[in-house]
Amino acid sequence: MLIFYMDKFDETLTRLTMALGRTARTYKSAADKLAADFGLSQATAWPVVMIGRLGDGARPGAIADALGIEPSSVVRVIDRVVELGLVERREDATDRRAKSLHLTAAGRECVDRIEAALIPFRRELFADVDRTDIHTCLRVLEGLQGTIARREAEPGSP
């Protein structure tokens, strides 16, 4: 039988980590609905938006990392957005085996419209949150991401 003791701070950390997951899921769901207004599924909208954010020439692996999905999954999605005429694949100038991704004119227009819709969406969500709290939250989350990345890079880490 495993016995453990959580103090009040441990309980707060548990609530925080649970809230992170719930908040990420509910935000993604709301943002997916916004993307659907532009005729794209969530599976196709966010890779196109990420190419716009990372810049033309991004590789599929970078898109997968940015979206938190497996590289094999992003390949199928990229196939779909290429079929839709939003993205084109090109041979990478430095590595002919690799492909780089570029927005077409239609893809750029789509990204611009989605990004323009996200501005008031995010402003509404954060309307009642003090800007200092937003900056603090961002600093904490980015620090946590760094800590997790360092931990995962350690040999034998779970």
N, C-alpha and C. Protein backbone atom coordinates (compact mmCIF):
# COMPACT_ATOMS: atom_id res chain seq x y z
N MET A 1 0.84 -1.18 0.00
CA MET A 1 0.00 0.00 0.00
C MET A 1 0.89 1.24 0.00
N LEU A 2 0.63 2.12 -0.93
CA LEU A 2 1.40 3.36 -1.05
C LEU A 2 0.75 4.42 -0.18
N ILE A 3 1.56 5.03 0.64
CA ILE A 3 1.07 6.11 1.49
C ILE A 3 1.78 7.39 1.09
N PHE A 4 1.02 8.44 0.89
CA PHE A 4 1.62 9.73 0.57
C PHE A 4 0.84 10.81 1.30
N TYR A 5 1.51 11.92 1.49
CA TYR A 5 0.89 13.03 2.20
C TYR A 5 0.98 14.28 1.34
N MET A 6 -0.17 14.90 1.13
CA MET A 6 -0.20 16.16 0.40
C MET A 6 -0.52 17.27 1.38
N ASP A 7 0.33 18.29 1.36
CA ASP A 7 0.00 19.45 2.17
C ASP A 7 -0.85 20.40 1.32
N LYS A 8 -1.19 21.55 1.85
CA LYS A 8 -2.06 22.51 1.14
C LYS A 8 -1.44 22.95 -0.19
N PHE A 9 -0.12 23.16 -0.20
CA PHE A 9 0.53 23.58 -1.44
C PHE A 9 0.48 22.48 -2.49
N ASP A 10 0.67 21.22 -2.07
CA ASP A 10 0.54 20.10 -3.00
C ASP A 10 -0.87 20.04 -3.59
N GLU A 11 -1.86 20.30 -2.75
CA GLU A 11 -3.25 20.33 -3.23
C GLU A 11 -3.44 21.46 -4.24
N THR A 12 -2.82 22.61 -3.98
CA THR A 12 -2.91 23.74 -4.91
C THR A 12 -2.25 23.38 -6.24
N LEU A 13 -1.08 22.74 -6.18
CA LEU A 13 -0.40 22.33 -7.41
C LEU A 13 -1.23 21.31 -8.19
N THR A 14 -1.90 20.42 -7.48
CA THR A 14 -2.78 19.44 -8.14
C THR A 14 -3.93 20.16 -8.84
N ARG A 15 -4.55 21.10 -8.16
CA ARG A 15 -5.64 21.87 -8.77
C ARG A 15 -5.13 22.64 -9.99
N LEU A 16 -3.94 23.22 -9.88
CA LEU A 16 -3.36 23.99 -10.98
C LEU A 16 -3.13 23.11 -12.20
N THR A 17 -2.50 21.95 -12.00
CA THR A 17 -2.21 21.09 -13.15
C THR A 17 -3.49 20.53 -13.77
N MET A 18 -4.50 20.27 -12.96
CA MET A 18 -5.78 19.84 -13.52
C MET A 18 -6.43 20.98 -14.30
N ALA A 19 -6.33 22.20 -13.79
CA ALA A 19 -6.90 23.36 -14.47
C ALA A 19 -6.20 23.62 -15.80
N LEU A 20 -4.90 23.37 -15.86
CA LEU A 20 -4.17 23.57 -17.12
C LEU A 20 -4.77 22.71 -18.23
N GLY A 21 -4.97 21.45 -17.93
CA GLY A 21 -5.54 20.54 -18.93
C GLY A 21 -6.95 20.92 -19.33
N ARG A 22 -7.79 21.20 -18.34
CA ARG A 22 -9.18 21.59 -18.64
C ARG A 22 -9.23 22.87 -19.46
N THR A 23 -8.42 23.85 -19.07
CA THR A 23 -8.42 25.13 -19.77
C THR A 23 -7.93 24.96 -21.20
N ALA A 24 -6.88 24.18 -21.39
CA ALA A 24 -6.36 23.94 -22.74
C ALA A 24 -7.43 23.30 -23.61
N ARG A 25 -8.13 22.30 -23.07
CA ARG A 25 -9.17 21.62 -23.85
C ARG A 25 -10.33 22.55 -24.19
N THR A 26 -10.80 23.33 -23.21
CA THR A 26 -11.94 24.20 -23.48
C THR A 26 -11.56 25.35 -24.41
N TYR A 27 -10.35 25.87 -24.28
CA TYR A 27 -9.90 26.92 -25.20
C TYR A 27 -9.82 26.37 -26.61
N LYS A 28 -9.22 25.19 -26.75
CA LYS A 28 -9.07 24.58 -28.07
C LYS A 28 -10.43 24.33 -28.69
N SER A 29 -11.38 23.87 -27.91
CA SER A 29 -12.73 23.62 -28.42
C SER A 29 -13.37 24.90 -28.94
N ALA A 30 -13.25 25.98 -28.17
CA ALA A 30 -13.82 27.27 -28.59
C ALA A 30 -13.11 27.80 -29.83
N ALA A 31 -11.79 27.67 -29.87
CA ALA A 31 -11.03 28.15 -31.03
C ALA A 31 -11.34 27.29 -32.26
N ASP A 32 -11.56 25.99 -32.06
CA ASP A 32 -11.93 25.12 -33.18
C ASP A 32 -13.26 25.56 -33.80
N LYS A 33 -14.21 25.97 -32.95
CA LYS A 33 -15.49 26.46 -33.46
C LYS A 33 -15.29 27.73 -34.28
N LEU A 34 -14.38 28.58 -33.83
CA LEU A 34 -14.08 29.80 -34.58
C LEU A 34 -13.50 29.44 -35.95
N ALA A 35 -12.59 28.48 -35.98
CA ALA A 35 -11.97 28.07 -37.25
C ALA A 35 -13.01 27.47 -38.19
N ALA A 36 -14.00 26.78 -37.63
CA ALA A 36 -15.04 26.17 -38.45
C ALA A 36 -15.84 27.23 -39.21
N ASP A 37 -15.90 28.44 -38.65
CA ASP A 37 -16.60 29.53 -39.34
C ASP A 37 -15.93 29.88 -40.67
N PHE A 38 -14.71 29.42 -40.87
CA PHE A 38 -13.98 29.70 -42.11
C PHE A 38 -13.95 28.48 -43.03
N GLY A 39 -14.78 27.49 -42.70
CA GLY A 39 -14.91 26.32 -43.56
C GLY A 39 -13.83 25.28 -43.40
N LEU A 40 -13.06 25.38 -42.31
CA LEU A 40 -11.99 24.41 -42.08
C LEU A 40 -12.28 23.62 -40.82
N SER A 41 -11.87 22.37 -40.82
CA SER A 41 -11.95 21.59 -39.59
C SER A 41 -10.80 22.00 -38.70
N GLN A 42 -10.89 21.65 -37.43
CA GLN A 42 -9.78 21.97 -36.53
C GLN A 42 -8.52 21.26 -36.98
N ALA A 43 -8.66 20.10 -37.59
CA ALA A 43 -7.48 19.35 -38.04
C ALA A 43 -6.76 20.07 -39.17
N THR A 44 -7.50 20.79 -40.01
CA THR A 44 -6.85 21.48 -41.13
C THR A 44 -6.53 22.94 -40.82
N ALA A 45 -7.32 23.57 -39.98
CA ALA A 45 -7.11 25.00 -39.71
C ALA A 45 -5.79 25.28 -39.02
N TRP A 46 -5.49 24.56 -37.95
CA TRP A 46 -4.34 24.93 -37.11
C TRP A 46 -2.99 24.67 -37.77
N PRO A 47 -2.82 23.61 -38.57
CA PRO A 47 -1.55 23.51 -39.30
C PRO A 47 -1.32 24.68 -40.25
N VAL A 48 -2.39 25.12 -40.93
CA VAL A 48 -2.26 26.25 -41.84
C VAL A 48 -1.90 27.51 -41.06
N VAL A 49 -2.57 27.73 -39.92
CA VAL A 49 -2.26 28.89 -39.08
C VAL A 49 -0.81 28.81 -38.59
N MET A 50 -0.36 27.63 -38.20
CA MET A 50 1.02 27.49 -37.70
C MET A 50 2.04 27.78 -38.78
N ILE A 51 1.76 27.38 -40.01
CA ILE A 51 2.68 27.72 -41.10
C ILE A 51 2.75 29.24 -41.23
N GLY A 52 1.61 29.89 -41.10
CA GLY A 52 1.59 31.36 -41.13
C GLY A 52 2.40 31.96 -40.00
N ARG A 53 2.30 31.39 -38.81
CA ARG A 53 3.02 31.93 -37.65
C ARG A 53 4.51 31.65 -37.71
N LEU A 54 4.86 30.44 -38.15
CA LEU A 54 6.28 30.06 -38.20
C LEU A 54 6.97 30.61 -39.44
N GLY A 55 6.18 30.91 -40.46
CA GLY A 55 6.73 31.47 -41.69
C GLY A 55 6.88 30.44 -42.78
N ASP A 56 6.78 30.92 -44.01
CA ASP A 56 6.97 30.04 -45.16
C ASP A 56 8.33 29.36 -45.05
N GLY A 57 8.35 28.10 -45.45
CA GLY A 57 9.58 27.33 -45.38
C GLY A 57 9.64 26.43 -44.16
N ALA A 58 8.62 26.50 -43.30
CA ALA A 58 8.60 25.63 -42.12
C ALA A 58 8.53 24.18 -42.58
N ARG A 59 9.14 23.31 -41.81
CA ARG A 59 9.12 21.88 -42.11
C ARG A 59 7.98 21.22 -41.35
N PRO A 60 7.48 20.10 -41.85
CA PRO A 60 6.38 19.41 -41.18
C PRO A 60 6.67 19.08 -39.71
N GLY A 61 7.90 18.72 -39.39
CA GLY A 61 8.24 18.41 -38.00
C GLY A 61 8.05 19.60 -37.07
N ALA A 62 8.39 20.79 -37.57
CA ALA A 62 8.21 22.00 -36.76
C ALA A 62 6.73 22.29 -36.54
N ILE A 63 5.92 22.02 -37.55
CA ILE A 63 4.47 22.20 -37.42
C ILE A 63 3.93 21.21 -36.39
N ALA A 64 4.36 19.96 -36.47
CA ALA A 64 3.92 18.95 -35.50
C ALA A 64 4.30 19.36 -34.09
N ASP A 65 5.54 19.82 -33.89
CA ASP A 65 5.97 20.27 -32.56
C ASP A 65 5.11 21.42 -32.06
N ALA A 66 4.85 22.40 -32.92
CA ALA A 66 4.07 23.57 -32.52
C ALA A 66 2.64 23.18 -32.13
N LEU A 67 2.11 22.16 -32.78
CA LEU A 67 0.74 21.73 -32.50
C LEU A 67 0.66 20.65 -31.43
N GLY A 68 1.82 20.10 -31.05
CA GLY A 68 1.82 19.05 -30.04
C GLY A 68 1.25 17.74 -30.55
N ILE A 69 1.48 17.45 -31.84
CA ILE A 69 1.02 16.19 -32.41
C ILE A 69 2.20 15.43 -32.99
N GLU A 70 1.97 14.17 -33.30
CA GLU A 70 3.02 13.33 -33.86
C GLU A 70 3.31 13.74 -35.31
N PRO A 71 4.58 13.69 -35.71
CA PRO A 71 4.92 14.03 -37.10
C PRO A 71 4.15 13.20 -38.12
N SER A 72 3.91 11.92 -37.83
CA SER A 72 3.16 11.09 -38.79
C SER A 72 1.73 11.60 -38.97
N SER A 73 1.16 12.16 -37.93
CA SER A 73 -0.20 12.71 -38.03
C SER A 73 -0.24 13.97 -38.87
N VAL A 74 0.79 14.79 -38.75
CA VAL A 74 0.79 16.05 -39.49
C VAL A 74 0.95 15.82 -40.99
N VAL A 75 1.59 14.74 -41.38
CA VAL A 75 1.78 14.46 -42.81
C VAL A 75 0.43 14.29 -43.50
N ARG A 76 -0.48 13.54 -42.89
CA ARG A 76 -1.81 13.34 -43.47
C ARG A 76 -2.57 14.66 -43.56
N VAL A 77 -2.44 15.48 -42.54
CA VAL A 77 -3.13 16.77 -42.54
C VAL A 77 -2.55 17.69 -43.61
N ILE A 78 -1.23 17.68 -43.74
CA ILE A 78 -0.59 18.50 -44.78
C ILE A 78 -1.05 18.04 -46.16
N ASP A 79 -1.18 16.73 -46.35
CA ASP A 79 -1.72 16.23 -47.63
C ASP A 79 -3.07 16.88 -47.91
N ARG A 80 -3.90 16.96 -46.89
CA ARG A 80 -5.26 17.51 -47.06
C ARG A 80 -5.22 19.00 -47.39
N VAL A 81 -4.41 19.79 -46.68
CA VAL A 81 -4.39 21.23 -46.95
C VAL A 81 -3.72 21.55 -48.29
N VAL A 82 -2.84 20.65 -48.75
CA VAL A 82 -2.28 20.79 -50.10
C VAL A 82 -3.41 20.57 -51.11
N GLU A 83 -4.22 19.51 -50.89
CA GLU A 83 -5.37 19.24 -51.76
C GLU A 83 -6.35 20.41 -51.80
N LEU A 84 -6.51 21.09 -50.66
CA LEU A 84 -7.42 22.23 -50.57
C LEU A 84 -6.86 23.49 -51.23
N GLY A 85 -5.58 23.43 -51.61
CA GLY A 85 -4.96 24.58 -52.26
C GLY A 85 -4.51 25.67 -51.31
N LEU A 86 -4.34 25.33 -50.03
CA LEU A 86 -3.92 26.31 -49.03
C LEU A 86 -2.41 26.31 -48.80
N VAL A 87 -1.78 25.19 -49.07
CA VAL A 87 -0.35 25.01 -48.78
C VAL A 87 0.28 24.29 -49.96
N GLU A 88 1.54 24.58 -50.20
CA GLU A 88 2.30 23.79 -51.17
C GLU A 88 3.58 23.30 -50.52
N ARG A 89 3.99 22.11 -50.95
CA ARG A 89 5.26 21.53 -50.50
C ARG A 89 6.32 21.88 -51.54
N ARG A 90 7.51 22.17 -51.02
CA ARG A 90 8.66 22.40 -51.92
C ARG A 90 9.85 21.64 -51.37
N GLU A 91 10.77 21.31 -52.28
CA GLU A 91 12.02 20.71 -51.81
C GLU A 91 12.75 21.74 -50.98
N ASP A 92 13.30 21.29 -49.86
CA ASP A 92 14.08 22.19 -49.02
C ASP A 92 15.38 22.52 -49.73
N ALA A 93 15.75 23.79 -49.72
CA ALA A 93 16.95 24.24 -50.44
C ALA A 93 18.23 23.62 -49.89
N THR A 94 18.25 23.28 -48.60
CA THR A 94 19.47 22.76 -47.99
C THR A 94 19.47 21.24 -47.86
N ASP A 95 18.30 20.61 -47.97
CA ASP A 95 18.21 19.16 -47.82
C ASP A 95 17.12 18.66 -48.77
N ARG A 96 17.53 18.10 -49.89
CA ARG A 96 16.56 17.71 -50.92
C ARG A 96 15.60 16.62 -50.46
N ARG A 97 15.97 15.88 -49.41
CA ARG A 97 15.07 14.85 -48.88
C ARG A 97 13.93 15.48 -48.09
N ALA A 98 14.17 16.66 -47.56
CA ALA A 98 13.17 17.33 -46.71
C ALA A 98 12.25 18.20 -47.56
N LYS A 99 11.07 18.41 -47.05
CA LYS A 99 10.10 19.29 -47.70
C LYS A 99 9.85 20.50 -46.81
N SER A 100 9.70 21.64 -47.45
CA SER A 100 9.31 22.84 -46.72
C SER A 100 7.89 23.20 -47.14
N LEU A 101 7.19 23.87 -46.25
CA LEU A 101 5.78 24.18 -46.47
C LEU A 101 5.61 25.68 -46.67
N HIS A 102 4.79 26.02 -47.64
CA HIS A 102 4.57 27.42 -48.00
C HIS A 102 3.08 27.65 -48.21
N LEU A 103 2.59 28.77 -47.70
CA LEU A 103 1.20 29.13 -47.91
C LEU A 103 1.00 29.59 -49.35
N THR A 104 -0.11 29.18 -49.94
CA THR A 104 -0.51 29.73 -51.22
C THR A 104 -1.20 31.07 -50.94
N ALA A 105 -1.59 31.78 -51.99
CA ALA A 105 -2.33 33.04 -51.79
C ALA A 105 -3.63 32.76 -51.03
N ALA A 106 -4.31 31.67 -51.37
CA ALA A 106 -5.54 31.31 -50.66
C ALA A 106 -5.25 30.95 -49.20
N GLY A 107 -4.13 30.26 -48.97
CA GLY A 107 -3.74 29.92 -47.60
C GLY A 107 -3.42 31.15 -46.78
N ARG A 108 -2.71 32.10 -47.37
CA ARG A 108 -2.37 33.35 -46.68
C ARG A 108 -3.65 34.11 -46.32
N GLU A 109 -4.59 34.18 -47.26
CA GLU A 109 -5.86 34.87 -47.00
C GLU A 109 -6.62 34.19 -45.86
N CYS A 110 -6.63 32.87 -45.87
CA CYS A 110 -7.30 32.10 -44.82
C CYS A 110 -6.66 32.37 -43.46
N VAL A 111 -5.34 32.31 -43.40
CA VAL A 111 -4.62 32.57 -42.14
C VAL A 111 -4.91 33.98 -41.65
N ASP A 112 -4.85 34.94 -42.54
CA ASP A 112 -5.11 36.33 -42.15
C ASP A 112 -6.50 36.50 -41.57
N ARG A 113 -7.48 35.84 -42.17
CA ARG A 113 -8.86 35.95 -41.67
C ARG A 113 -9.01 35.28 -40.31
N ILE A 114 -8.40 34.11 -40.14
CA ILE A 114 -8.49 33.41 -38.84
C ILE A 114 -7.77 34.21 -37.76
N GLU A 115 -6.56 34.68 -38.06
CA GLU A 115 -5.80 35.46 -37.07
C GLU A 115 -6.56 36.73 -36.70
N ALA A 116 -7.19 37.38 -37.68
CA ALA A 116 -7.97 38.59 -37.40
C ALA A 116 -9.16 38.27 -36.50
N ALA A 117 -9.77 37.10 -36.66
CA ALA A 117 -10.89 36.70 -35.81
C ALA A 117 -10.42 36.31 -34.41
N LEU A 118 -9.20 35.79 -34.30
CA LEU A 118 -8.67 35.39 -32.99
C LEU A 118 -8.39 36.58 -32.08
N ILE A 119 -8.09 37.74 -32.65
CA ILE A 119 -7.76 38.91 -31.82
C ILE A 119 -8.93 39.29 -30.92
N PRO A 120 -10.12 39.57 -31.44
CA PRO A 120 -11.22 39.91 -30.53
C PRO A 120 -11.65 38.73 -29.66
N PHE A 121 -11.50 37.51 -30.18
CA PHE A 121 -11.83 36.31 -29.40
C PHE A 121 -10.98 36.25 -28.13
N ARG A 122 -9.66 36.40 -28.28
CA ARG A 122 -8.77 36.36 -27.12
C ARG A 122 -9.00 37.56 -26.21
N ARG A 123 -9.21 38.73 -26.79
CA ARG A 123 -9.45 39.93 -25.97
C ARG A 123 -10.70 39.75 -25.11
N GLU A 124 -11.73 39.15 -25.68
CA GLU A 124 -12.95 38.91 -24.91
C GLU A 124 -12.68 37.93 -23.77
N LEU A 125 -11.96 36.85 -24.06
CA LEU A 125 -11.67 35.86 -23.03
C LEU A 125 -10.88 36.45 -21.86
N PHE A 126 -9.96 37.34 -22.16
CA PHE A 126 -9.08 37.89 -21.14
C PHE A 126 -9.49 39.29 -20.68
N ALA A 127 -10.69 39.71 -21.04
CA ALA A 127 -11.14 41.08 -20.73
C ALA A 127 -11.09 41.40 -19.24
N ASP A 128 -11.39 40.44 -18.40
CA ASP A 128 -11.45 40.70 -16.96
C ASP A 128 -10.16 40.33 -16.22
N VAL A 129 -9.12 40.01 -16.97
CA VAL A 129 -7.85 39.62 -16.36
C VAL A 129 -6.87 40.79 -16.47
N ASP A 130 -6.28 41.14 -15.35
CA ASP A 130 -5.30 42.23 -15.32
C ASP A 130 -4.10 41.86 -16.20
N ARG A 131 -3.60 42.85 -16.94
CA ARG A 131 -2.46 42.59 -17.85
C ARG A 131 -1.24 42.08 -17.10
N THR A 132 -1.02 42.56 -15.90
CA THR A 132 0.12 42.08 -15.11
C THR A 132 -0.04 40.59 -14.82
N ASP A 133 -1.27 40.16 -14.52
CA ASP A 133 -1.52 38.74 -14.28
C ASP A 133 -1.28 37.92 -15.54
N ILE A 134 -1.64 38.47 -16.68
CA ILE A 134 -1.41 37.76 -17.95
C ILE A 134 0.08 37.58 -18.18
N HIS A 135 0.86 38.63 -17.96
CA HIS A 135 2.32 38.53 -18.14
C HIS A 135 2.92 37.55 -17.14
N THR A 136 2.42 37.57 -15.91
CA THR A 136 2.91 36.64 -14.89
C THR A 136 2.58 35.21 -15.28
N CYS A 137 1.36 34.99 -15.71
CA CYS A 137 0.93 33.65 -16.12
C CYS A 137 1.78 33.14 -17.27
N LEU A 138 2.03 33.99 -18.25
CA LEU A 138 2.86 33.60 -19.40
C LEU A 138 4.27 33.25 -18.95
N ARG A 139 4.83 34.05 -18.06
CA ARG A 139 6.18 33.77 -17.55
C ARG A 139 6.21 32.42 -16.83
N VAL A 140 5.22 32.15 -16.01
CA VAL A 140 5.16 30.89 -15.27
C VAL A 140 5.00 29.71 -16.23
N LEU A 141 4.10 29.82 -17.19
CA LEU A 141 3.88 28.72 -18.13
C LEU A 141 5.10 28.45 -19.00
N GLU A 142 5.76 29.50 -19.46
CA GLU A 142 6.98 29.31 -20.26
C GLU A 142 8.09 28.70 -19.41
N GLY A 143 8.18 29.11 -18.15
CA GLY A 143 9.16 28.50 -17.25
C GLY A 143 8.87 27.03 -17.02
N LEU A 144 7.60 26.71 -16.84
CA LEU A 144 7.20 25.32 -16.65
C LEU A 144 7.52 24.48 -17.89
N GLN A 145 7.27 25.04 -19.07
CA GLN A 145 7.62 24.33 -20.30
C GLN A 145 9.12 24.05 -20.37
N GLY A 146 9.92 25.02 -19.99
CA GLY A 146 11.37 24.84 -19.98
C GLY A 146 11.80 23.77 -19.00
N THR A 147 11.21 23.78 -17.82
CA THR A 147 11.53 22.77 -16.80
C THR A 147 11.18 21.38 -17.29
N ILE A 148 10.01 21.24 -17.89
CA ILE A 148 9.58 19.94 -18.40
C ILE A 148 10.51 19.48 -19.53
N ALA A 149 10.87 20.38 -20.43
CA ALA A 149 11.77 20.03 -21.54
C ALA A 149 13.13 19.57 -21.02
N ARG A 150 13.67 20.28 -20.03
CA ARG A 150 14.96 19.88 -19.46
C ARG A 150 14.85 18.51 -18.79
N ARG A 151 13.76 18.30 -18.08
CA ARG A 151 13.56 17.03 -17.39
C ARG A 151 13.45 15.87 -18.39
N GLU A 152 12.71 16.10 -19.47
CA GLU A 152 12.56 15.05 -20.49
C GLU A 152 13.88 14.75 -21.19
N ALA A 153 14.77 15.72 -21.26
CA ALA A 153 16.06 15.52 -21.92
C ALA A 153 17.04 14.74 -21.06
N GLU A 154 16.76 14.63 -19.77
CA GLU A 154 17.65 13.90 -18.87
C GLU A 154 17.55 12.40 -19.14
N PRO A 155 18.70 11.71 -19.16
CA PRO A 155 18.67 10.26 -19.37
C PRO A 155 17.86 9.57 -18.27
N GLY A 156 17.02 8.64 -18.68
CA GLY A 156 16.25 7.85 -17.72
C GLY A 156 15.06 8.58 -17.12
N SER A 157 14.72 9.75 -17.65
CA SER A 157 13.58 10.46 -17.07
C SER A 157 12.28 9.79 -17.51
N PRO A 158 11.26 9.85 -16.65
CA PRO A 158 9.98 9.20 -16.99
C PRO A 158 9.22 9.96 -18.05
